[in-house]
Amino acid sequence: MFEAGFERYRDATILVARVAMMWLMVRFGWDKLMAVSHTVDLMAGYGLPFPALAAAVAIGAELGIGLLLMLGCGTRPLAVLMAVYTLATALTGHRYWTMTGGAQMANAIHFYKNVSIVGGVLLLAVTGAGAWSFDGWRAARRRA
């Protein structure tokens, strides 16, 4: 019975999950876009080669892919890309094991938050976007 209730609201739940997971990405992608020079400096501070390119990738992934996943457009492949991007940001931007004190704790939280997001988007890659999505709309049109 409990499982049947979830199945009844499957598509609505997947929509809520897509929006909830990607809200963080879209919001911070927007912030990066609004302060591009700061974003480039941030990437340089992480020691990344080609910080301007890294900033463009970050903005594209967070804002672009984030919005597309919210809408459920190209969900499965984009969810895999978002998982790779998010894991990469955890490993480059939240290296808590190299820190001490409060910075270590704060970055450990962000690192494992990113790992949790990776799990969520990989699950989205498996489930797909659900019927309440652009992908679902396209699939329904193909069947009609």
N, C-alpha and C. Protein backbone atom coordinates (compact mmCIF):
# COMPACT_ATOMS: atom_id res chain seq x y z
N MET A 1 0.82 -1.20 0.00
CA MET A 1 0.00 0.00 0.00
C MET A 1 0.87 1.26 0.00
N PHE A 2 1.87 1.25 0.86
CA PHE A 2 2.77 2.39 0.93
C PHE A 2 3.44 2.63 -0.41
N GLU A 3 3.92 1.56 -1.03
CA GLU A 3 4.58 1.66 -2.34
C GLU A 3 3.62 2.12 -3.42
N ALA A 4 2.38 1.67 -3.36
CA ALA A 4 1.39 2.08 -4.35
C ALA A 4 1.14 3.59 -4.28
N GLY A 5 1.17 4.15 -3.08
CA GLY A 5 1.01 5.59 -2.93
C GLY A 5 2.12 6.36 -3.60
N PHE A 6 3.34 5.87 -3.45
CA PHE A 6 4.46 6.52 -4.12
C PHE A 6 4.35 6.42 -5.63
N GLU A 7 3.93 5.26 -6.11
CA GLU A 7 3.81 5.08 -7.56
C GLU A 7 2.76 6.03 -8.13
N ARG A 8 1.72 6.28 -7.35
CA ARG A 8 0.66 7.19 -7.80
C ARG A 8 1.20 8.60 -8.03
N TYR A 9 2.14 9.00 -7.21
CA TYR A 9 2.70 10.36 -7.30
C TYR A 9 4.12 10.36 -7.86
N ARG A 10 4.48 9.32 -8.58
CA ARG A 10 5.83 9.15 -9.10
C ARG A 10 6.30 10.36 -9.90
N ASP A 11 5.52 10.77 -10.89
CA ASP A 11 5.96 11.85 -11.77
C ASP A 11 6.05 13.19 -11.04
N ALA A 12 5.12 13.45 -10.15
CA ALA A 12 5.17 14.68 -9.36
C ALA A 12 6.39 14.66 -8.44
N THR A 13 6.68 13.51 -7.86
CA THR A 13 7.84 13.39 -6.97
C THR A 13 9.14 13.59 -7.73
N ILE A 14 9.24 13.02 -8.91
CA ILE A 14 10.45 13.21 -9.72
C ILE A 14 10.61 14.68 -10.10
N LEU A 15 9.52 15.36 -10.42
CA LEU A 15 9.59 16.79 -10.72
C LEU A 15 10.12 17.57 -9.52
N VAL A 16 9.55 17.31 -8.35
CA VAL A 16 10.01 18.00 -7.14
C VAL A 16 11.49 17.71 -6.89
N ALA A 17 11.90 16.46 -7.08
CA ALA A 17 13.30 16.09 -6.87
C ALA A 17 14.22 16.81 -7.85
N ARG A 18 13.81 16.88 -9.12
CA ARG A 18 14.64 17.57 -10.12
C ARG A 18 14.83 19.03 -9.73
N VAL A 19 13.74 19.68 -9.38
CA VAL A 19 13.82 21.11 -9.03
C VAL A 19 14.63 21.30 -7.75
N ALA A 20 14.39 20.47 -6.75
CA ALA A 20 15.10 20.61 -5.48
C ALA A 20 16.60 20.39 -5.64
N MET A 21 16.98 19.37 -6.40
CA MET A 21 18.41 19.09 -6.59
C MET A 21 19.10 20.20 -7.38
N MET A 22 18.43 20.70 -8.38
CA MET A 22 19.08 21.64 -9.29
C MET A 22 18.95 23.09 -8.86
N TRP A 23 18.08 23.39 -7.90
CA TRP A 23 17.94 24.77 -7.45
C TRP A 23 19.29 25.32 -6.99
N LEU A 24 20.02 24.55 -6.22
CA LEU A 24 21.33 24.95 -5.73
C LEU A 24 22.28 25.25 -6.89
N MET A 25 22.30 24.37 -7.88
CA MET A 25 23.19 24.55 -9.02
C MET A 25 22.83 25.81 -9.81
N VAL A 26 21.55 25.97 -10.10
CA VAL A 26 21.10 27.11 -10.89
C VAL A 26 21.39 28.42 -10.16
N ARG A 27 21.12 28.44 -8.87
CA ARG A 27 21.33 29.66 -8.10
C ARG A 27 22.80 30.06 -8.11
N PHE A 28 23.70 29.11 -7.85
CA PHE A 28 25.12 29.44 -7.81
C PHE A 28 25.70 29.62 -9.21
N GLY A 29 25.14 28.97 -10.20
CA GLY A 29 25.54 29.24 -11.58
C GLY A 29 25.21 30.67 -11.98
N TRP A 30 24.03 31.14 -11.56
CA TRP A 30 23.63 32.52 -11.82
C TRP A 30 24.59 33.49 -11.13
N ASP A 31 24.91 33.20 -9.86
CA ASP A 31 25.85 34.06 -9.13
C ASP A 31 27.20 34.12 -9.85
N LYS A 32 27.66 32.99 -10.34
CA LYS A 32 28.94 32.96 -11.06
C LYS A 32 28.86 33.79 -12.35
N LEU A 33 27.74 33.71 -13.04
CA LEU A 33 27.55 34.49 -14.27
C LEU A 33 27.53 35.99 -13.98
N MET A 34 26.92 36.37 -12.87
CA MET A 34 26.81 37.79 -12.53
C MET A 34 28.12 38.38 -12.02
N ALA A 35 29.09 37.53 -11.69
CA ALA A 35 30.39 37.99 -11.21
C ALA A 35 31.49 37.15 -11.86
N VAL A 36 31.55 37.23 -13.18
CA VAL A 36 32.46 36.36 -13.94
C VAL A 36 33.91 36.56 -13.52
N SER A 37 34.34 37.80 -13.34
CA SER A 37 35.76 38.01 -12.99
C SER A 37 36.07 37.39 -11.63
N HIS A 38 35.15 37.48 -10.70
CA HIS A 38 35.33 36.83 -9.39
C HIS A 38 35.38 35.31 -9.57
N THR A 39 34.53 34.78 -10.45
CA THR A 39 34.51 33.34 -10.70
C THR A 39 35.83 32.88 -11.29
N VAL A 40 36.38 33.64 -12.22
CA VAL A 40 37.69 33.30 -12.81
C VAL A 40 38.76 33.31 -11.72
N ASP A 41 38.73 34.33 -10.85
CA ASP A 41 39.69 34.39 -9.74
C ASP A 41 39.54 33.20 -8.80
N LEU A 42 38.31 32.80 -8.56
CA LEU A 42 38.04 31.63 -7.71
C LEU A 42 38.65 30.37 -8.32
N MET A 43 38.46 30.19 -9.62
CA MET A 43 39.02 29.03 -10.30
C MET A 43 40.55 29.05 -10.26
N ALA A 44 41.12 30.23 -10.43
CA ALA A 44 42.58 30.36 -10.34
C ALA A 44 43.05 30.01 -8.93
N GLY A 45 42.29 30.43 -7.93
CA GLY A 45 42.62 30.12 -6.54
C GLY A 45 42.60 28.64 -6.23
N TYR A 46 41.80 27.88 -6.95
CA TYR A 46 41.79 26.42 -6.79
C TYR A 46 42.97 25.76 -7.50
N GLY A 47 43.75 26.57 -8.22
CA GLY A 47 44.90 26.03 -8.94
C GLY A 47 44.54 25.36 -10.25
N LEU A 48 43.36 25.66 -10.76
CA LEU A 48 42.93 25.04 -12.01
C LEU A 48 43.63 25.69 -13.20
N PRO A 49 44.09 24.89 -14.17
CA PRO A 49 44.65 25.48 -15.38
C PRO A 49 43.52 26.12 -16.19
N PHE A 50 43.83 27.16 -16.89
CA PHE A 50 42.84 27.86 -17.72
C PHE A 50 41.61 28.26 -16.89
N PRO A 51 41.79 29.15 -15.90
CA PRO A 51 40.68 29.50 -15.02
C PRO A 51 39.48 30.12 -15.75
N ALA A 52 39.70 30.84 -16.84
CA ALA A 52 38.57 31.41 -17.58
C ALA A 52 37.74 30.29 -18.20
N LEU A 53 38.40 29.28 -18.74
CA LEU A 53 37.68 28.13 -19.29
C LEU A 53 36.95 27.37 -18.18
N ALA A 54 37.62 27.19 -17.05
CA ALA A 54 36.99 26.51 -15.91
C ALA A 54 35.75 27.28 -15.44
N ALA A 55 35.83 28.61 -15.44
CA ALA A 55 34.67 29.42 -15.05
C ALA A 55 33.52 29.24 -16.04
N ALA A 56 33.84 29.21 -17.33
CA ALA A 56 32.80 29.00 -18.35
C ALA A 56 32.16 27.63 -18.20
N VAL A 57 32.97 26.61 -17.92
CA VAL A 57 32.43 25.27 -17.71
C VAL A 57 31.52 25.26 -16.48
N ALA A 58 31.96 25.90 -15.40
CA ALA A 58 31.16 25.94 -14.18
C ALA A 58 29.82 26.62 -14.42
N ILE A 59 29.84 27.75 -15.10
CA ILE A 59 28.59 28.48 -15.39
C ILE A 59 27.70 27.65 -16.30
N GLY A 60 28.28 27.06 -17.33
CA GLY A 60 27.49 26.23 -18.25
C GLY A 60 26.88 25.03 -17.56
N ALA A 61 27.66 24.37 -16.72
CA ALA A 61 27.15 23.19 -16.03
C ALA A 61 26.08 23.57 -15.02
N GLU A 62 26.39 24.53 -14.16
CA GLU A 62 25.46 24.86 -13.08
C GLU A 62 24.20 25.54 -13.59
N LEU A 63 24.36 26.53 -14.43
CA LEU A 63 23.20 27.28 -14.91
C LEU A 63 22.54 26.56 -16.08
N GLY A 64 23.31 26.18 -17.08
CA GLY A 64 22.75 25.56 -18.28
C GLY A 64 22.20 24.17 -18.04
N ILE A 65 23.07 23.26 -17.61
CA ILE A 65 22.61 21.89 -17.37
C ILE A 65 21.62 21.86 -16.22
N GLY A 66 21.85 22.69 -15.21
CA GLY A 66 20.91 22.75 -14.08
C GLY A 66 19.50 23.11 -14.52
N LEU A 67 19.37 24.14 -15.37
CA LEU A 67 18.04 24.51 -15.88
C LEU A 67 17.43 23.41 -16.74
N LEU A 68 18.24 22.81 -17.59
CA LEU A 68 17.73 21.73 -18.44
C LEU A 68 17.25 20.54 -17.61
N LEU A 69 17.97 20.21 -16.54
CA LEU A 69 17.52 19.12 -15.68
C LEU A 69 16.26 19.50 -14.91
N MET A 70 16.16 20.75 -14.50
CA MET A 70 14.91 21.20 -13.86
C MET A 70 13.72 20.98 -14.79
N LEU A 71 13.91 21.31 -16.06
CA LEU A 71 12.85 21.16 -17.05
C LEU A 71 12.67 19.72 -17.50
N GLY A 72 13.63 18.88 -17.19
CA GLY A 72 13.56 17.49 -17.63
C GLY A 72 13.82 17.35 -19.11
N CYS A 73 14.84 18.04 -19.59
CA CYS A 73 15.18 18.04 -21.02
C CYS A 73 16.55 17.40 -21.20
N GLY A 74 16.59 16.27 -21.91
CA GLY A 74 17.85 15.55 -22.08
C GLY A 74 18.35 14.96 -20.77
N THR A 75 17.43 14.53 -19.96
CA THR A 75 17.71 14.21 -18.56
C THR A 75 18.78 13.16 -18.35
N ARG A 76 18.65 12.02 -19.00
CA ARG A 76 19.58 10.92 -18.68
C ARG A 76 21.04 11.28 -18.98
N PRO A 77 21.39 11.71 -20.18
CA PRO A 77 22.80 12.04 -20.42
C PRO A 77 23.27 13.26 -19.63
N LEU A 78 22.40 14.25 -19.47
CA LEU A 78 22.80 15.45 -18.73
C LEU A 78 22.97 15.15 -17.24
N ALA A 79 22.19 14.22 -16.72
CA ALA A 79 22.35 13.83 -15.31
C ALA A 79 23.72 13.19 -15.10
N VAL A 80 24.16 12.39 -16.05
CA VAL A 80 25.49 11.78 -15.95
C VAL A 80 26.57 12.87 -16.01
N LEU A 81 26.42 13.82 -16.93
CA LEU A 81 27.38 14.94 -17.00
C LEU A 81 27.40 15.73 -15.70
N MET A 82 26.21 15.98 -15.13
CA MET A 82 26.15 16.73 -13.88
C MET A 82 26.81 15.94 -12.75
N ALA A 83 26.67 14.63 -12.75
CA ALA A 83 27.33 13.81 -11.73
C ALA A 83 28.85 13.95 -11.83
N VAL A 84 29.37 13.88 -13.05
CA VAL A 84 30.82 14.01 -13.26
C VAL A 84 31.28 15.40 -12.83
N TYR A 85 30.56 16.43 -13.26
CA TYR A 85 30.91 17.81 -12.90
C TYR A 85 30.89 18.00 -11.38
N THR A 86 29.85 17.51 -10.73
CA THR A 86 29.69 17.72 -9.30
C THR A 86 30.77 16.98 -8.51
N LEU A 87 31.11 15.78 -8.95
CA LEU A 87 32.20 15.06 -8.29
C LEU A 87 33.53 15.80 -8.50
N ALA A 88 33.74 16.32 -9.69
CA ALA A 88 34.97 17.08 -9.96
C ALA A 88 35.05 18.32 -9.08
N THR A 89 33.92 19.01 -8.89
CA THR A 89 33.95 20.20 -8.03
C THR A 89 34.20 19.82 -6.58
N ALA A 90 33.70 18.67 -6.15
CA ALA A 90 33.97 18.21 -4.79
C ALA A 90 35.47 17.97 -4.61
N LEU A 91 36.08 17.32 -5.60
CA LEU A 91 37.50 16.96 -5.50
C LEU A 91 38.44 18.15 -5.67
N THR A 92 38.01 19.17 -6.42
CA THR A 92 38.89 20.33 -6.63
C THR A 92 38.59 21.49 -5.70
N GLY A 93 37.33 21.68 -5.34
CA GLY A 93 36.95 22.86 -4.57
C GLY A 93 36.72 22.64 -3.09
N HIS A 94 36.61 21.39 -2.67
CA HIS A 94 36.29 21.12 -1.25
C HIS A 94 37.22 20.06 -0.69
N ARG A 95 38.50 20.26 -0.86
CA ARG A 95 39.52 19.29 -0.43
C ARG A 95 39.76 19.42 1.08
N TYR A 96 38.77 19.03 1.85
CA TYR A 96 38.79 19.20 3.30
C TYR A 96 39.96 18.46 3.96
N TRP A 97 40.44 17.40 3.34
CA TRP A 97 41.53 16.60 3.91
C TRP A 97 42.86 17.35 3.92
N THR A 98 42.92 18.50 3.23
CA THR A 98 44.14 19.31 3.24
C THR A 98 44.02 20.48 4.21
N MET A 99 42.92 20.56 4.96
CA MET A 99 42.63 21.72 5.80
C MET A 99 42.56 21.33 7.27
N THR A 100 42.46 22.35 8.11
CA THR A 100 42.29 22.14 9.55
C THR A 100 41.22 23.08 10.07
N GLY A 101 40.76 22.80 11.27
CA GLY A 101 39.84 23.69 11.97
C GLY A 101 38.50 23.84 11.28
N GLY A 102 37.97 25.06 11.38
CA GLY A 102 36.64 25.35 10.83
C GLY A 102 36.56 25.19 9.33
N ALA A 103 37.64 25.51 8.63
CA ALA A 103 37.64 25.35 7.17
C ALA A 103 37.51 23.89 6.79
N GLN A 104 38.15 23.01 7.58
CA GLN A 104 38.04 21.58 7.30
C GLN A 104 36.60 21.10 7.46
N MET A 105 35.95 21.52 8.53
CA MET A 105 34.57 21.10 8.78
C MET A 105 33.63 21.64 7.70
N ALA A 106 33.76 22.92 7.37
CA ALA A 106 32.89 23.52 6.35
C ALA A 106 33.08 22.84 5.00
N ASN A 107 34.31 22.57 4.63
CA ASN A 107 34.56 21.94 3.33
C ASN A 107 34.19 20.47 3.31
N ALA A 108 34.27 19.80 4.45
CA ALA A 108 33.80 18.41 4.52
C ALA A 108 32.30 18.37 4.28
N ILE A 109 31.58 19.31 4.87
CA ILE A 109 30.13 19.38 4.64
C ILE A 109 29.83 19.58 3.16
N HIS A 110 30.53 20.52 2.53
CA HIS A 110 30.30 20.78 1.11
C HIS A 110 30.72 19.59 0.24
N PHE A 111 31.81 18.93 0.61
CA PHE A 111 32.26 17.77 -0.14
C PHE A 111 31.18 16.68 -0.13
N TYR A 112 30.69 16.35 1.05
CA TYR A 112 29.71 15.27 1.15
C TYR A 112 28.33 15.70 0.64
N LYS A 113 28.03 16.99 0.66
CA LYS A 113 26.82 17.49 0.00
C LYS A 113 26.92 17.23 -1.50
N ASN A 114 28.08 17.49 -2.06
CA ASN A 114 28.27 17.22 -3.48
C ASN A 114 28.16 15.73 -3.79
N VAL A 115 28.73 14.89 -2.93
CA VAL A 115 28.61 13.45 -3.12
C VAL A 115 27.14 13.03 -3.09
N SER A 116 26.36 13.63 -2.20
CA SER A 116 24.92 13.34 -2.14
C SER A 116 24.21 13.76 -3.42
N ILE A 117 24.58 14.92 -3.95
CA ILE A 117 23.99 15.38 -5.22
C ILE A 117 24.36 14.42 -6.34
N VAL A 118 25.59 13.93 -6.35
CA VAL A 118 26.01 12.94 -7.35
C VAL A 118 25.08 11.74 -7.29
N GLY A 119 24.80 11.25 -6.08
CA GLY A 119 23.88 10.13 -5.94
C GLY A 119 22.50 10.44 -6.47
N GLY A 120 22.01 11.64 -6.20
CA GLY A 120 20.69 12.03 -6.68
C GLY A 120 20.61 12.13 -8.19
N VAL A 121 21.62 12.73 -8.81
CA VAL A 121 21.54 12.87 -10.26
C VAL A 121 21.79 11.54 -10.96
N LEU A 122 22.58 10.65 -10.35
CA LEU A 122 22.72 9.31 -10.93
C LEU A 122 21.39 8.55 -10.86
N LEU A 123 20.67 8.73 -9.77
CA LEU A 123 19.34 8.12 -9.69
C LEU A 123 18.42 8.71 -10.75
N LEU A 124 18.53 10.01 -11.00
CA LEU A 124 17.75 10.65 -12.05
C LEU A 124 18.13 10.09 -13.42
N ALA A 125 19.41 9.78 -13.62
CA ALA A 125 19.83 9.17 -14.89
C ALA A 125 19.18 7.81 -15.08
N VAL A 126 18.92 7.10 -14.00
CA VAL A 126 18.29 5.78 -14.08
C VAL A 126 16.78 5.90 -14.26
N THR A 127 16.14 6.78 -13.48
CA THR A 127 14.67 6.88 -13.52
C THR A 127 14.18 7.66 -14.72
N GLY A 128 15.00 8.58 -15.23
CA GLY A 128 14.53 9.51 -16.24
C GLY A 128 13.78 10.66 -15.58
N ALA A 129 13.27 11.55 -16.39
CA ALA A 129 12.66 12.78 -15.89
C ALA A 129 11.22 12.63 -15.46
N GLY A 130 10.57 11.53 -15.80
CA GLY A 130 9.16 11.38 -15.48
C GLY A 130 8.28 12.04 -16.53
N ALA A 131 6.99 11.84 -16.39
CA ALA A 131 6.04 12.35 -17.38
C ALA A 131 5.92 13.87 -17.34
N TRP A 132 6.13 14.46 -16.17
CA TRP A 132 5.99 15.91 -16.03
C TRP A 132 7.31 16.59 -16.35
N SER A 133 7.70 16.49 -17.61
CA SER A 133 8.99 17.00 -18.05
C SER A 133 8.94 17.20 -19.56
N PHE A 134 9.95 17.90 -20.06
CA PHE A 134 10.06 18.05 -21.51
C PHE A 134 10.30 16.70 -22.17
N ASP A 135 11.14 15.86 -21.56
CA ASP A 135 11.38 14.51 -22.10
C ASP A 135 10.08 13.71 -22.13
N GLY A 136 9.30 13.80 -21.06
CA GLY A 136 8.02 13.08 -21.00
C GLY A 136 7.04 13.57 -22.04
N TRP A 137 7.01 14.88 -22.26
CA TRP A 137 6.13 15.47 -23.27
C TRP A 137 6.52 14.97 -24.66
N ARG A 138 7.83 14.97 -24.94
CA ARG A 138 8.30 14.48 -26.24
C ARG A 138 7.98 13.01 -26.44
N ALA A 139 8.15 12.21 -25.41
CA ALA A 139 7.85 10.77 -25.51
C ALA A 139 6.37 10.55 -25.77
N ALA A 140 5.51 11.32 -25.11
CA ALA A 140 4.06 11.19 -25.32
C ALA A 140 3.68 11.59 -26.74
N ARG A 141 4.32 12.60 -27.28
CA ARG A 141 4.05 13.02 -28.67
C ARG A 141 4.49 11.97 -29.66
N ARG A 142 5.60 11.30 -29.39
CA ARG A 142 6.07 10.24 -30.30
C ARG A 142 5.11 9.05 -30.28
N ARG A 143 4.54 8.76 -29.13
CA ARG A 143 3.60 7.64 -29.02
C ARG A 143 2.27 7.95 -29.69
N ALA A 144 1.91 9.23 -29.75
CA ALA A 144 0.60 9.62 -30.29
C ALA A 144 0.54 9.56 -31.80
